Amino acid sequence: MLGGMFAVSAVRIDPKDPLSGLELGERPEPAPRPGWTVVTVKAAALNHHDLWTLRGVGITEDKLPMILGCDGAGVTEDGTEVLIHSVIDPRDGEPSILTEAYDGTFAERVLVPTANLVPKPAALSWEQAACLPTAWLTAYRMLFRNSGLRPGDTVLVQGAGGGVATALIVLARAAGFRVWATSRSEEKRARALELGAHAVFESGARLPERVDAVMETVGAATWAHSVKSLRPEGTIVISGATSGAMPPAELTRIFFLQLRVVGSTMGSLDELKALVRMCEATGVRPVVDSVSPLAQARAGFERMEEGEAFGKIVFTL
């Protein structure tokens, strides 16, 4: 008989009131499995994916209850400090991420494939390390695999403030791109400048010139602006649509100007290792909005749902 541990779980799906399905309490300890390792979680970061899970995106009722959390860092049973790559690639079946088919990191302990563990550098705090495997890895792939950008090119980051957007600003500046960012919030625009953006604009504002690439995580609210802001043969890289996934397509402009629209999701284990090396080599660090105990997770979910965060919301154990 397995014992219990504290965890934060999705127990119901409700698209209109997602937090009504959030439960904090005891869940069974992870059962041993060949080729998998139990990690004692030290810190775990919140993502929009966790809210989408509570809304029923990427999961069905029969998978509930499901421990949430797809970002984490912790210690293995032999004392090794690790980050967790949350993309699970089974030998047979479709790849998924933690919380879709496997319990996640918002718990005292999590079971993950041993191959998914990446050594944590001593230079990174637990809170910083926990931010890398999802939002920061997503930003890394968007910029360095899918954008076609070269140092000196101009990139527009829509919606400064979110976890991916703040990562994009920091990583793009470190890589030698000219970085522009937008936000509806004057405070978030000011903070984007502090992070390294060369210029900031109100959402939807006319830009001084067209950009080489646009990093799009907002969706419907910014899509038309993203398309209009791009130079001929430029690239829009999309990794999210938090404001809605069905904007007018702007097809005439896309084909007439030969624009590229590229989808991008997460990143590989090798890309996560490269991201860790980049953090070590350049000194860039994840932007942390707030840190609180996992027992206070509901407040963190509320902060994300209300759009108040700038950077990553992190829970510690």
Protein backbone atom coordinates (compact mmCIF):
# COMPACT_ATOMS: atom_id res chain seq x y z
CA MET A 1 0.00 0.00 0.00
CA LEU A 2 1.49 3.31 -1.10
CA GLY A 3 1.58 6.25 1.28
CA GLY A 4 0.38 9.74 0.55
CA MET A 5 1.99 13.06 -0.38
CA PHE A 6 0.80 16.64 -0.77
CA ALA A 7 -0.10 17.62 -4.33
CA VAL A 8 -2.09 20.10 -6.42
CA SER A 9 -4.45 18.33 -8.80
CA ALA A 10 -7.13 18.82 -11.43
CA VAL A 11 -10.18 16.89 -10.23
CA ARG A 12 -12.84 18.42 -12.51
CA ILE A 13 -12.97 20.11 -15.91
CA ASP A 14 -14.78 23.42 -16.20
CA PRO A 15 -14.01 25.65 -19.23
CA LYS A 16 -15.78 28.66 -17.70
CA ASP A 17 -14.55 28.34 -14.11
CA PRO A 18 -11.31 26.36 -14.31
CA LEU A 19 -10.20 26.98 -10.74
CA SER A 20 -13.30 25.20 -9.43
CA GLY A 21 -11.56 21.97 -10.45
CA LEU A 22 -8.36 22.71 -8.54
CA GLU A 23 -7.76 20.58 -5.45
CA LEU A 24 -4.97 20.79 -2.88
CA GLY A 25 -4.53 17.71 -0.76
CA GLU A 26 -3.12 14.21 -0.42
CA ARG A 27 -2.43 11.98 -3.42
CA PRO A 28 -0.76 8.53 -3.62
CA GLU A 29 3.01 8.33 -3.82
CA PRO A 30 4.30 7.51 -7.33
CA ALA A 31 4.64 3.77 -7.95
CA PRO A 32 8.10 2.50 -9.00
CA ARG A 33 8.52 1.81 -12.72
CA PRO A 34 11.51 0.36 -14.63
CA GLY A 35 13.48 3.06 -16.43
CA TRP A 36 11.82 5.84 -14.43
CA THR A 37 13.14 7.84 -11.46
CA VAL A 38 11.42 9.45 -8.49
CA VAL A 39 12.41 13.09 -8.08
CA THR A 40 11.82 14.95 -4.81
CA VAL A 41 10.57 18.30 -6.06
CA LYS A 42 12.27 21.45 -4.78
CA ALA A 43 10.56 23.99 -7.04
CA ALA A 44 7.93 23.88 -9.78
CA ALA A 45 6.76 26.67 -12.11
CA LEU A 46 3.21 27.44 -13.19
CA ASN A 47 2.29 27.55 -16.88
CA HIS A 48 -0.80 28.47 -18.87
CA HIS A 49 -0.90 24.78 -19.75
CA ASP A 50 -2.01 24.10 -16.17
CA LEU A 51 -4.98 26.43 -16.60
CA TRP A 52 -5.80 24.87 -19.96
CA THR A 53 -5.80 21.44 -18.32
CA LEU A 54 -8.41 22.65 -15.85
CA ARG A 55 -10.44 23.84 -18.85
CA GLY A 56 -10.23 20.39 -20.45
CA VAL A 57 -7.68 21.13 -23.17
CA GLY A 58 -5.38 18.17 -23.85
CA ILE A 59 -7.06 15.96 -21.26
CA THR A 60 -10.33 14.10 -20.76
CA GLU A 61 -12.39 13.41 -17.64
CA ASP A 62 -11.30 9.77 -17.52
CA LYS A 63 -7.68 10.88 -16.83
CA LEU A 64 -8.70 12.76 -13.66
CA PRO A 65 -7.60 13.30 -10.99
CA MET A 66 -4.32 14.51 -12.50
CA ILE A 67 -1.49 16.14 -10.58
CA LEU A 68 -0.68 19.41 -12.36
CA GLY A 69 2.69 20.97 -13.16
CA CYS A 70 4.93 20.44 -16.19
CA ASP A 71 7.97 22.40 -14.94
CA GLY A 72 10.16 21.27 -12.11
CA ALA A 73 13.56 20.80 -10.53
CA GLY A 74 14.55 18.59 -7.65
CA VAL A 75 16.73 15.82 -6.25
CA THR A 76 16.89 12.14 -7.21
CA GLU A 77 17.15 9.35 -4.64
CA ASP A 78 20.96 9.34 -4.98
CA GLY A 79 21.17 13.10 -4.30
CA THR A 80 21.65 14.31 -7.87
CA GLU A 81 20.20 17.78 -8.52
CA VAL A 82 18.19 17.81 -11.76
CA LEU A 83 15.80 19.63 -14.08
CA ILE A 84 12.92 17.65 -15.55
CA HIS A 85 12.31 17.61 -19.31
CA SER A 86 8.56 17.21 -19.35
CA VAL A 87 8.05 15.81 -22.87
CA ILE A 88 7.43 12.09 -22.41
CA ASP A 89 8.19 10.04 -25.53
CA PRO A 90 6.97 6.45 -25.03
CA ARG A 91 8.29 3.65 -27.20
CA ASP A 92 4.81 3.12 -28.61
CA GLY A 93 2.28 5.89 -28.67
CA GLU A 94 2.19 9.64 -29.17
CA PRO A 95 4.53 11.91 -27.18
CA SER A 96 2.84 13.90 -24.43
CA ILE A 97 3.89 16.20 -21.64
CA LEU A 98 3.48 15.79 -17.93
CA THR A 99 -0.14 16.39 -16.83
CA GLU A 100 -1.59 15.06 -20.09
CA ALA A 101 -1.03 11.35 -19.47
CA TYR A 102 1.33 11.36 -16.47
CA ASP A 103 1.16 13.09 -13.10
CA GLY A 104 3.06 16.36 -12.93
CA THR A 105 5.44 18.28 -10.70
CA PHE A 106 3.05 20.05 -8.29
CA ALA A 107 3.71 17.40 -5.66
CA GLU A 108 6.29 16.41 -3.13
CA ARG A 109 7.56 13.73 -5.52
CA VAL A 110 7.17 13.03 -9.24
CA LEU A 111 8.00 9.98 -11.35
CA VAL A 112 9.66 10.67 -14.71
CA PRO A 113 11.72 8.73 -17.26
CA THR A 114 15.35 8.66 -16.14
CA ALA A 115 16.37 9.81 -19.64
CA ASN A 116 14.39 13.03 -19.08
CA LEU A 117 16.64 14.28 -16.28
CA VAL A 118 19.14 17.08 -16.94
CA PRO A 119 21.80 18.00 -14.35
CA LYS A 120 21.06 21.30 -12.60
CA PRO A 121 23.97 23.74 -12.67
CA ALA A 122 25.01 25.01 -9.25
CA ALA A 123 24.79 28.56 -10.59
CA LEU A 124 21.02 28.30 -10.99
CA SER A 125 18.72 28.50 -7.98
CA TRP A 126 15.96 25.93 -7.62
CA GLU A 127 13.41 28.58 -8.58
CA GLN A 128 15.34 29.59 -11.70
CA ALA A 129 15.95 25.99 -12.77
CA ALA A 130 12.25 25.15 -12.45
CA CYS A 131 11.39 27.82 -15.04
CA LEU A 132 13.51 26.41 -17.85
CA PRO A 133 11.87 23.16 -19.09
CA THR A 134 8.62 24.63 -20.48
CA ALA A 135 8.37 28.39 -21.07
CA TRP A 136 12.07 29.03 -21.50
CA LEU A 137 12.58 25.93 -23.63
CA THR A 138 9.62 27.00 -25.79
CA ALA A 139 11.22 30.43 -26.27
CA TYR A 140 14.60 28.86 -27.08
CA ARG A 141 13.15 26.74 -29.88
CA MET A 142 11.08 29.63 -31.25
CA LEU A 143 14.14 31.85 -31.56
CA PHE A 144 16.94 29.50 -32.48
CA ARG A 145 15.24 26.77 -34.50
CA ASN A 146 12.12 28.25 -36.07
CA SER A 147 12.53 32.01 -36.53
CA GLY A 148 15.27 32.16 -39.18
CA LEU A 149 16.73 35.15 -37.32
CA ARG A 150 20.39 36.12 -37.42
CA PRO A 151 22.24 38.42 -35.01
CA GLY A 152 21.33 42.01 -35.83
CA ASP A 153 17.83 41.15 -37.08
CA THR A 154 14.79 42.72 -35.46
CA VAL A 155 12.29 40.58 -33.58
CA LEU A 156 8.93 41.68 -32.19
CA VAL A 157 7.72 39.95 -29.01
CA GLN A 158 3.98 40.30 -28.51
CA GLY A 159 2.50 40.50 -25.03
CA ALA A 160 5.47 41.22 -22.78
CA GLY A 161 4.83 39.82 -19.32
CA GLY A 162 4.03 36.18 -19.88
CA GLY A 163 6.56 33.47 -19.10
CA VAL A 164 7.41 32.72 -22.74
CA ALA A 165 7.43 36.40 -23.72
CA THR A 166 9.83 37.42 -20.95
CA ALA A 167 12.09 34.50 -21.87
CA LEU A 168 12.03 35.60 -25.51
CA ILE A 169 13.13 39.13 -24.58
CA VAL A 170 16.02 37.96 -22.42
CA LEU A 171 17.25 35.24 -24.80
CA ALA A 172 16.88 37.39 -27.92
CA ARG A 173 18.88 40.23 -26.36
CA ALA A 174 21.61 37.79 -25.27
CA ALA A 175 21.78 36.38 -28.80
CA GLY A 176 22.37 39.75 -30.45
CA PHE A 177 18.94 40.47 -31.93
CA ARG A 178 17.30 43.89 -31.89
CA VAL A 179 14.33 43.30 -29.58
CA TRP A 180 11.01 45.13 -29.69
CA ALA A 181 8.11 44.25 -27.39
CA THR A 182 4.46 45.18 -26.94
CA SER A 183 2.10 45.27 -23.98
CA ARG A 184 -1.19 46.89 -23.02
CA SER A 185 0.38 47.71 -19.63
CA GLU A 186 2.66 50.72 -19.22
CA GLU A 187 4.27 48.99 -16.23
CA LYS A 188 5.01 45.84 -18.22
CA ARG A 189 6.44 47.89 -21.09
CA ALA A 190 8.81 49.57 -18.63
CA ARG A 191 9.85 46.22 -17.21
CA ALA A 192 10.44 44.84 -20.71
CA LEU A 193 12.95 47.64 -21.25
CA GLU A 194 14.67 46.67 -18.00
CA LEU A 195 14.93 43.08 -19.25
CA GLY A 196 16.73 44.20 -22.39
CA ALA A 197 14.13 45.17 -25.01
CA HIS A 198 15.52 47.94 -27.21
CA ALA A 199 12.08 49.52 -27.69
CA VAL A 200 8.55 48.95 -26.45
CA PHE A 201 5.14 49.82 -27.89
CA GLU A 202 1.51 49.74 -26.90
CA SER A 203 -0.34 46.70 -28.21
CA GLY A 204 -1.37 47.33 -31.81
CA ALA A 205 0.79 50.44 -32.22
CA ARG A 206 2.30 51.26 -35.60
CA LEU A 207 5.99 50.33 -35.57
CA PRO A 208 8.83 52.49 -36.96
CA GLU A 209 9.59 49.77 -39.50
CA ARG A 210 8.64 46.21 -40.28
CA VAL A 211 10.44 43.45 -38.40
CA ASP A 212 12.20 40.29 -39.52
CA ALA A 213 10.22 37.98 -37.23
CA VAL A 214 7.34 38.12 -34.76
CA MET A 215 7.08 35.89 -31.69
CA GLU A 216 3.37 35.25 -31.15
CA THR A 217 1.94 33.73 -27.97
CA VAL A 218 -1.17 35.91 -27.54
CA GLY A 219 -3.30 34.87 -30.50
CA ALA A 220 -6.49 36.63 -31.56
CA ALA A 221 -5.82 39.93 -29.79
CA THR A 222 -2.49 40.53 -31.55
CA TRP A 223 -2.63 38.42 -34.72
CA ALA A 224 -3.57 41.19 -37.18
CA HIS A 225 -0.83 43.42 -35.75
CA SER A 226 1.70 40.59 -36.01
CA VAL A 227 0.93 40.06 -39.70
CA LYS A 228 1.02 43.80 -40.51
CA SER A 229 4.29 44.28 -38.61
CA LEU A 230 6.25 41.71 -40.62
CA ARG A 231 8.50 42.49 -43.57
CA PRO A 232 8.05 40.58 -46.85
CA GLU A 233 9.27 36.96 -46.48
CA GLY A 234 9.48 37.41 -42.71
CA THR A 235 8.39 34.80 -40.16
CA ILE A 236 5.72 34.61 -37.48
CA VAL A 237 6.45 31.90 -34.91
CA ILE A 238 3.41 30.81 -32.89
CA SER A 239 3.57 28.87 -29.64
CA GLY A 240 0.33 29.90 -27.99
CA ALA A 241 -2.99 31.68 -28.31
CA THR A 242 -3.99 32.75 -24.81
CA SER A 243 -6.48 35.36 -26.08
CA GLY A 244 -8.15 33.06 -28.60
CA ALA A 245 -7.14 30.68 -31.37
CA MET A 246 -9.43 31.75 -34.25
CA PRO A 247 -8.52 35.25 -35.51
CA PRO A 248 -9.14 36.31 -39.13
CA ALA A 249 -6.39 34.60 -41.11
CA GLU A 250 -5.12 37.61 -43.14
CA LEU A 251 -4.46 35.17 -45.99
CA THR A 252 -4.13 37.80 -48.73
CA ARG A 253 -1.30 39.58 -46.93
CA ILE A 254 0.35 36.27 -46.02
CA PHE A 255 0.54 34.95 -49.57
CA PHE A 256 1.13 38.30 -51.28
CA LEU A 257 4.10 39.14 -49.02
CA GLN A 258 5.23 35.50 -48.89
CA LEU A 259 5.18 35.43 -45.12
CA ARG A 260 6.08 32.30 -43.21
CA VAL A 261 3.85 31.10 -40.36
CA VAL A 262 5.57 28.50 -38.19
CA GLY A 263 4.09 26.57 -35.27
CA SER A 264 6.39 25.81 -32.37
CA THR A 265 5.84 23.71 -29.26
CA MET A 266 8.20 23.02 -26.37
CA GLY A 267 11.62 21.66 -27.34
CA SER A 268 13.80 18.58 -27.33
CA LEU A 269 15.96 17.19 -24.56
CA ASP A 270 19.07 18.33 -26.46
CA GLU A 271 17.62 21.84 -26.76
CA LEU A 272 16.99 21.92 -23.01
CA LYS A 273 20.61 20.96 -22.40
CA ALA A 274 21.71 23.70 -24.81
CA LEU A 275 19.49 26.23 -23.02
CA VAL A 276 21.09 25.32 -19.70
CA ARG A 277 24.53 25.80 -21.25
CA MET A 278 23.45 29.18 -22.63
CA CYS A 279 22.34 30.29 -19.17
CA GLU A 280 25.72 29.22 -17.76
CA ALA A 281 27.73 30.86 -20.55
CA THR A 282 25.86 34.17 -20.79
CA GLY A 283 24.64 34.67 -17.23
CA VAL A 284 21.01 35.11 -18.32
CA ARG A 285 18.50 33.93 -15.75
CA PRO A 286 14.76 33.24 -15.84
CA VAL A 287 12.49 36.08 -14.81
CA VAL A 288 10.60 35.08 -11.65
CA ASP A 289 7.38 36.94 -10.89
CA SER A 290 6.76 35.44 -7.45
CA VAL A 291 7.69 32.50 -5.24
CA SER A 292 5.32 30.89 -2.74
CA PRO A 293 4.86 27.52 -1.02
CA LEU A 294 2.96 24.88 -3.01
CA ALA A 295 0.33 24.95 -0.27
CA GLN A 296 -0.56 28.46 -1.51
CA ALA A 297 -0.83 27.42 -5.15
CA ARG A 298 -4.41 28.62 -5.59
CA ALA A 299 -3.29 32.25 -5.24
CA GLY A 300 -0.69 31.68 -7.96
CA PHE A 301 -3.31 30.23 -10.30
CA GLU A 302 -5.55 33.24 -9.64
CA ARG A 303 -2.67 35.63 -10.39
CA MET A 304 -2.00 33.91 -13.72
CA GLU A 305 -5.69 33.77 -14.67
CA GLU A 306 -6.03 37.50 -14.03
CA GLY A 307 -2.97 38.29 -16.17
CA GLU A 308 -1.10 40.02 -13.36
CA ALA A 309 2.20 38.12 -13.55
CA PHE A 310 5.41 39.37 -15.14
CA GLY A 311 7.60 36.32 -15.58
CA LYS A 312 7.19 32.95 -13.95
CA ILE A 313 5.10 32.07 -10.91
CA VAL A 314 7.06 29.48 -8.92
CA PHE A 315 5.99 27.14 -6.11
CA THR A 316 8.49 25.67 -3.64
CA LEU A 317 8.40 22.62 -1.42
